[in-house]
Protein backbone atom coordinates (compact mmCIF):
# COMPACT_ATOMS: atom_id res chain seq x y z
CA UNK A 1 0.00 0.00 0.00
CA UNK A 2 1.35 3.43 -0.94
CA UNK A 3 -0.03 6.40 1.01
CA UNK A 4 0.59 10.13 0.75
CA UNK A 5 -1.12 13.48 1.12
CA UNK A 6 -0.95 16.70 -0.81
CA UNK A 7 -2.03 20.13 0.36
CA UNK A 8 -4.85 21.66 -1.67
CA UNK A 9 -6.29 25.16 -1.42
CA UNK A 10 -10.07 24.78 -1.09
CA UNK A 11 -12.61 27.60 -1.17
CA UNK A 12 -15.19 27.09 1.59
CA UNK A 13 -17.76 29.66 2.70
CA UNK A 14 -15.99 32.46 0.86
CA UNK A 15 -12.54 31.73 2.31
CA UNK A 16 -9.61 29.78 0.91
CA UNK A 17 -8.02 27.34 3.33
CA UNK A 18 -5.55 24.48 3.08
CA UNK A 19 -6.88 20.91 3.17
CA UNK A 20 -5.04 17.61 2.94
CA UNK A 21 -5.90 15.32 0.04
CA UNK A 22 -5.04 11.79 1.20
CA UNK A 23 -4.36 9.28 -1.58
CA UNK A 24 -4.03 5.53 -1.09
CA UNK A 25 -2.73 3.26 -3.85
CA UNK A 26 -2.17 -0.47 -3.76
CA UNK A 27 -0.63 -3.16 -5.94
CA UNK A 28 -3.06 -5.98 -6.76
CA UNK A 29 -2.34 -9.69 -7.19
CA UNK A 30 -1.46 -9.26 -10.86
CA UNK A 31 1.06 -6.49 -10.17
CA UNK A 32 -1.04 -3.51 -11.28
CA UNK A 33 -1.46 -0.38 -9.19
CA UNK A 34 -4.97 0.59 -8.14
CA UNK A 35 -6.13 3.80 -6.51
CA UNK A 36 -8.07 2.69 -3.44
CA UNK A 37 -9.39 6.14 -2.65
CA UNK A 38 -8.99 9.86 -2.11
CA UNK A 39 -10.09 11.63 1.05
CA UNK A 40 -10.08 15.29 2.11
CA UNK A 41 -9.03 16.06 5.66
CA UNK A 42 -8.40 19.18 7.69
CA UNK A 43 -4.74 18.27 8.03
CA UNK A 44 -2.37 15.32 7.68
CA UNK A 45 -3.08 14.34 11.27
CA UNK A 46 -3.38 10.99 13.00
CA UNK A 47 -7.14 11.56 13.18
CA UNK A 48 -7.42 12.13 9.43
CA UNK A 49 -5.32 9.06 8.57
CA UNK A 50 -7.21 6.92 11.10
CA UNK A 51 -10.44 7.87 9.32
CA UNK A 52 -8.90 6.92 5.96
CA UNK A 53 -7.59 3.55 7.16
CA UNK A 54 -10.81 2.72 9.03
CA UNK A 55 -12.80 3.42 5.87
CA UNK A 56 -10.52 1.12 3.86
CA UNK A 57 -10.85 -1.67 6.41
CA UNK A 58 -14.64 -1.20 6.52
CA UNK A 59 -14.65 -1.59 2.72
CA UNK A 60 -12.85 -4.94 3.08
CA UNK A 61 -9.15 -4.14 2.78
CA UNK A 62 -7.08 -6.96 4.28
CA UNK A 63 -3.65 -8.47 3.80
CA UNK A 64 -1.57 -5.29 4.02
CA UNK A 65 2.03 -6.51 4.22
CA UNK A 66 4.00 -3.39 3.27
CA UNK A 67 3.26 0.32 3.56
CA UNK A 68 5.26 2.98 1.73
CA UNK A 69 4.96 6.56 2.99
CA UNK A 70 6.84 9.58 4.21
CA UNK A 71 7.74 9.86 7.89
CA UNK A 72 4.84 12.06 8.97
CA UNK A 73 4.16 11.39 12.67
CA UNK A 74 0.34 11.35 12.42
CA UNK A 75 0.47 8.97 9.47
CA UNK A 76 2.92 6.62 11.18
CA UNK A 77 0.85 6.54 14.39
CA UNK A 78 -2.34 5.73 12.49
CA UNK A 79 -0.55 3.00 10.49
CA UNK A 80 0.80 1.35 13.63
CA UNK A 81 -2.68 1.26 15.17
CA UNK A 82 -4.63 0.15 12.09
CA UNK A 83 -2.22 -2.23 10.34
CA UNK A 84 -0.24 -3.95 13.05
CA UNK A 85 2.31 -6.34 11.63
CA UNK A 86 2.69 -4.54 8.29
CA UNK A 87 6.23 -3.48 7.42
CA UNK A 88 6.83 0.22 6.85
C-alpha atoms as a PDB file:
ATOM      1  CA  UNK A   1       0.000   0.000   0.000  1.00  0.00           C
ATOM      2  CA  UNK A   2       1.350   3.434  -0.937  1.00  0.00           C
ATOM      3  CA  UNK A   3      -0.031   6.403   1.008  1.00  0.00           C
ATOM      4  CA  UNK A   4       0.588  10.131   0.747  1.00  0.00           C
ATOM      5  CA  UNK A   5      -1.122  13.479   1.117  1.00  0.00           C
ATOM      6  CA  UNK A   6      -0.953  16.701  -0.808  1.00  0.00           C
ATOM      7  CA  UNK A   7      -2.032  20.135   0.362  1.00  0.00           C
ATOM      8  CA  UNK A   8      -4.847  21.659  -1.666  1.00  0.00           C
ATOM      9  CA  UNK A   9      -6.290  25.157  -1.420  1.00  0.00           C
ATOM     10  CA  UNK A  10     -10.068  24.775  -1.094  1.00  0.00           C
ATOM     11  CA  UNK A  11     -12.610  27.597  -1.172  1.00  0.00           C
ATOM     12  CA  UNK A  12     -15.189  27.091   1.593  1.00  0.00           C
ATOM     13  CA  UNK A  13     -17.761  29.664   2.701  1.00  0.00           C
ATOM     14  CA  UNK A  14     -15.991  32.463   0.855  1.00  0.00           C
ATOM     15  CA  UNK A  15     -12.539  31.731   2.308  1.00  0.00           C
ATOM     16  CA  UNK A  16      -9.612  29.777   0.906  1.00  0.00           C
ATOM     17  CA  UNK A  17      -8.022  27.337   3.330  1.00  0.00           C
ATOM     18  CA  UNK A  18      -5.554  24.478   3.076  1.00  0.00           C
ATOM     19  CA  UNK A  19      -6.881  20.915   3.170  1.00  0.00           C
ATOM     20  CA  UNK A  20      -5.045  17.611   2.939  1.00  0.00           C
ATOM     21  CA  UNK A  21      -5.903  15.318   0.041  1.00  0.00           C
ATOM     22  CA  UNK A  22      -5.038  11.793   1.197  1.00  0.00           C
ATOM     23  CA  UNK A  23      -4.361   9.281  -1.582  1.00  0.00           C
ATOM     24  CA  UNK A  24      -4.027   5.527  -1.086  1.00  0.00           C
ATOM     25  CA  UNK A  25      -2.734   3.263  -3.849  1.00  0.00           C
ATOM     26  CA  UNK A  26      -2.165  -0.472  -3.762  1.00  0.00           C
ATOM     27  CA  UNK A  27      -0.634  -3.160  -5.935  1.00  0.00           C
ATOM     28  CA  UNK A  28      -3.057  -5.977  -6.760  1.00  0.00           C
ATOM     29  CA  UNK A  29      -2.344  -9.693  -7.192  1.00  0.00           C
ATOM     30  CA  UNK A  30      -1.460  -9.260 -10.858  1.00  0.00           C
ATOM     31  CA  UNK A  31       1.055  -6.486 -10.167  1.00  0.00           C
ATOM     32  CA  UNK A  32      -1.039  -3.507 -11.279  1.00  0.00           C
ATOM     33  CA  UNK A  33      -1.458  -0.384  -9.188  1.00  0.00           C
ATOM     34  CA  UNK A  34      -4.967   0.591  -8.144  1.00  0.00           C
ATOM     35  CA  UNK A  35      -6.132   3.801  -6.506  1.00  0.00           C
ATOM     36  CA  UNK A  36      -8.066   2.691  -3.439  1.00  0.00           C
ATOM     37  CA  UNK A  37      -9.388   6.139  -2.648  1.00  0.00           C
ATOM     38  CA  UNK A  38      -8.989   9.859  -2.115  1.00  0.00           C
ATOM     39  CA  UNK A  39     -10.093  11.630   1.055  1.00  0.00           C
ATOM     40  CA  UNK A  40     -10.083  15.292   2.108  1.00  0.00           C
ATOM     41  CA  UNK A  41      -9.026  16.057   5.656  1.00  0.00           C
ATOM     42  CA  UNK A  42      -8.403  19.184   7.692  1.00  0.00           C
ATOM     43  CA  UNK A  43      -4.738  18.267   8.032  1.00  0.00           C
ATOM     44  CA  UNK A  44      -2.367  15.324   7.681  1.00  0.00           C
ATOM     45  CA  UNK A  45      -3.085  14.340  11.268  1.00  0.00           C
ATOM     46  CA  UNK A  46      -3.377  10.992  12.995  1.00  0.00           C
ATOM     47  CA  UNK A  47      -7.140  11.560  13.185  1.00  0.00           C
ATOM     48  CA  UNK A  48      -7.422  12.127   9.431  1.00  0.00           C
ATOM     49  CA  UNK A  49      -5.322   9.059   8.574  1.00  0.00           C
ATOM     50  CA  UNK A  50      -7.207   6.920  11.100  1.00  0.00           C
ATOM     51  CA  UNK A  51     -10.439   7.865   9.321  1.00  0.00           C
ATOM     52  CA  UNK A  52      -8.905   6.921   5.956  1.00  0.00           C
ATOM     53  CA  UNK A  53      -7.595   3.548   7.163  1.00  0.00           C
ATOM     54  CA  UNK A  54     -10.813   2.725   9.033  1.00  0.00           C
ATOM     55  CA  UNK A  55     -12.800   3.419   5.873  1.00  0.00           C
ATOM     56  CA  UNK A  56     -10.516   1.120   3.856  1.00  0.00           C
ATOM     57  CA  UNK A  57     -10.851  -1.670   6.412  1.00  0.00           C
ATOM     58  CA  UNK A  58     -14.636  -1.198   6.519  1.00  0.00           C
ATOM     59  CA  UNK A  59     -14.646  -1.591   2.717  1.00  0.00           C
ATOM     60  CA  UNK A  60     -12.855  -4.942   3.075  1.00  0.00           C
ATOM     61  CA  UNK A  61      -9.153  -4.141   2.778  1.00  0.00           C
ATOM     62  CA  UNK A  62      -7.078  -6.965   4.281  1.00  0.00           C
ATOM     63  CA  UNK A  63      -3.649  -8.472   3.797  1.00  0.00           C
ATOM     64  CA  UNK A  64      -1.574  -5.294   4.020  1.00  0.00           C
ATOM     65  CA  UNK A  65       2.032  -6.508   4.221  1.00  0.00           C
ATOM     66  CA  UNK A  66       4.002  -3.392   3.272  1.00  0.00           C
ATOM     67  CA  UNK A  67       3.259   0.323   3.557  1.00  0.00           C
ATOM     68  CA  UNK A  68       5.265   2.979   1.726  1.00  0.00           C
ATOM     69  CA  UNK A  69       4.960   6.557   2.987  1.00  0.00           C
ATOM     70  CA  UNK A  70       6.842   9.580   4.212  1.00  0.00           C
ATOM     71  CA  UNK A  71       7.745   9.857   7.887  1.00  0.00           C
ATOM     72  CA  UNK A  72       4.837  12.064   8.975  1.00  0.00           C
ATOM     73  CA  UNK A  73       4.162  11.392  12.671  1.00  0.00           C
ATOM     74  CA  UNK A  74       0.342  11.352  12.421  1.00  0.00           C
ATOM     75  CA  UNK A  75       0.468   8.974   9.474  1.00  0.00           C
ATOM     76  CA  UNK A  76       2.925   6.617  11.177  1.00  0.00           C
ATOM     77  CA  UNK A  77       0.854   6.536  14.387  1.00  0.00           C
ATOM     78  CA  UNK A  78      -2.335   5.725  12.486  1.00  0.00           C
ATOM     79  CA  UNK A  79      -0.548   2.998  10.493  1.00  0.00           C
ATOM     80  CA  UNK A  80       0.798   1.353  13.634  1.00  0.00           C
ATOM     81  CA  UNK A  81      -2.682   1.263  15.169  1.00  0.00           C
ATOM     82  CA  UNK A  82      -4.630   0.154  12.086  1.00  0.00           C
ATOM     83  CA  UNK A  83      -2.224  -2.231  10.336  1.00  0.00           C
ATOM     84  CA  UNK A  84      -0.243  -3.948  13.054  1.00  0.00           C
ATOM     85  CA  UNK A  85       2.308  -6.338  11.626  1.00  0.00           C
ATOM     86  CA  UNK A  86       2.693  -4.541   8.286  1.00  0.00           C
ATOM     87  CA  UNK A  87       6.233  -3.480   7.419  1.00  0.00           C
ATOM     88  CA  UNK A  88       6.829   0.222   6.849  1.00  0.00           C
END
